[in-house]
């Protein structure tokens, strides 16, 4: 680390106090001085550990416009139903989801995959791509209604299985569904459905089906606020934490869990940074390194950011986090 760390360790200078007269006549003069003192204290770096990676900035108006456009697609379908070939894609997709949710044999899954591919290619040959986007919007609306029904009654309906496959089961496994309440809000659910639909139909890279940047920001903001280890690791990690009783084993279990969570987070940061040039990727990486207790690496990233952006909107926060890395590294060395 450079001498910037040494500067952070220096205590701030004392602020001048206002002097009142014996009868208190100058008490009004104390107010601006006090306000200045409070403001100045807020501007002085404090040791504040990063409690989460930075969240992406979402344009609420742009997101609302996308939601309205999807809903408008569904409204237009009332007098103009989808072509039969498009509806066949929806039926094939539902059959695939049911087969997967019920743990079908590989041969049955292969047939369901083939049926879905054939239906999709036939639809593309006789209908418009916009009809398929309409189908996605319609099924998304139905999916949202079924998730809300699940939250009210606590039962996974046949319709929800057809539309979402193992969605609820996966939410439970990763801790995103608690007592029949899915932690994703409606905005996140919409994006998650779209991306899953795109993946199943193999149209991830087709611009006609692309989600917007603000939709991606909403989804990844949820990921960052609700980070967890990879699904396959959770049973072992939970068992390690459950069996830890003495301070050393508890600390080891928590460190292991945090490192696994950091390993899940890092590629998510990479994915968002590839599509959102405004996202402060180095600060996210620094927060993840702090989570891994690699304070030297975190401090280096914060320091480089501060040198490149000395007066930016993240300046004070970065100084606070940088000071926390210094103290954490010092504590570990004692």
Foldseek 3Di string as FASTA:
>chain_A
DDCVLVVLPDDDDDQDADDADPVRPCVVVRVVSVVVVVVVVLLRAAADADPFFDADDFDVVVLVVVLVVLVVLQVVCPVPPFDPLLVQLLVLLLVLLLCLLVVHDPVVNVVSLVSNQVSVVVCVVPHDPVSNSSVLSVLLVVLVVQLVVCLVPVDRDSSNSSSPRCVVVVCVLFVQADNSRGVDDSLLSSLVSLCVVCVSNVNDPPVVSDDDLSSLSSNLSVCRVRFFAPSVCVVVLVVQCVPDDDPVSNVVSQLVRLLRSLVRSLVSLVVSCVPDVPRPSLSNNLSSCVSNVVLVSSLVSLVVVCVVCVPDPCNSVSSNNNNNSSVSVVVVVD
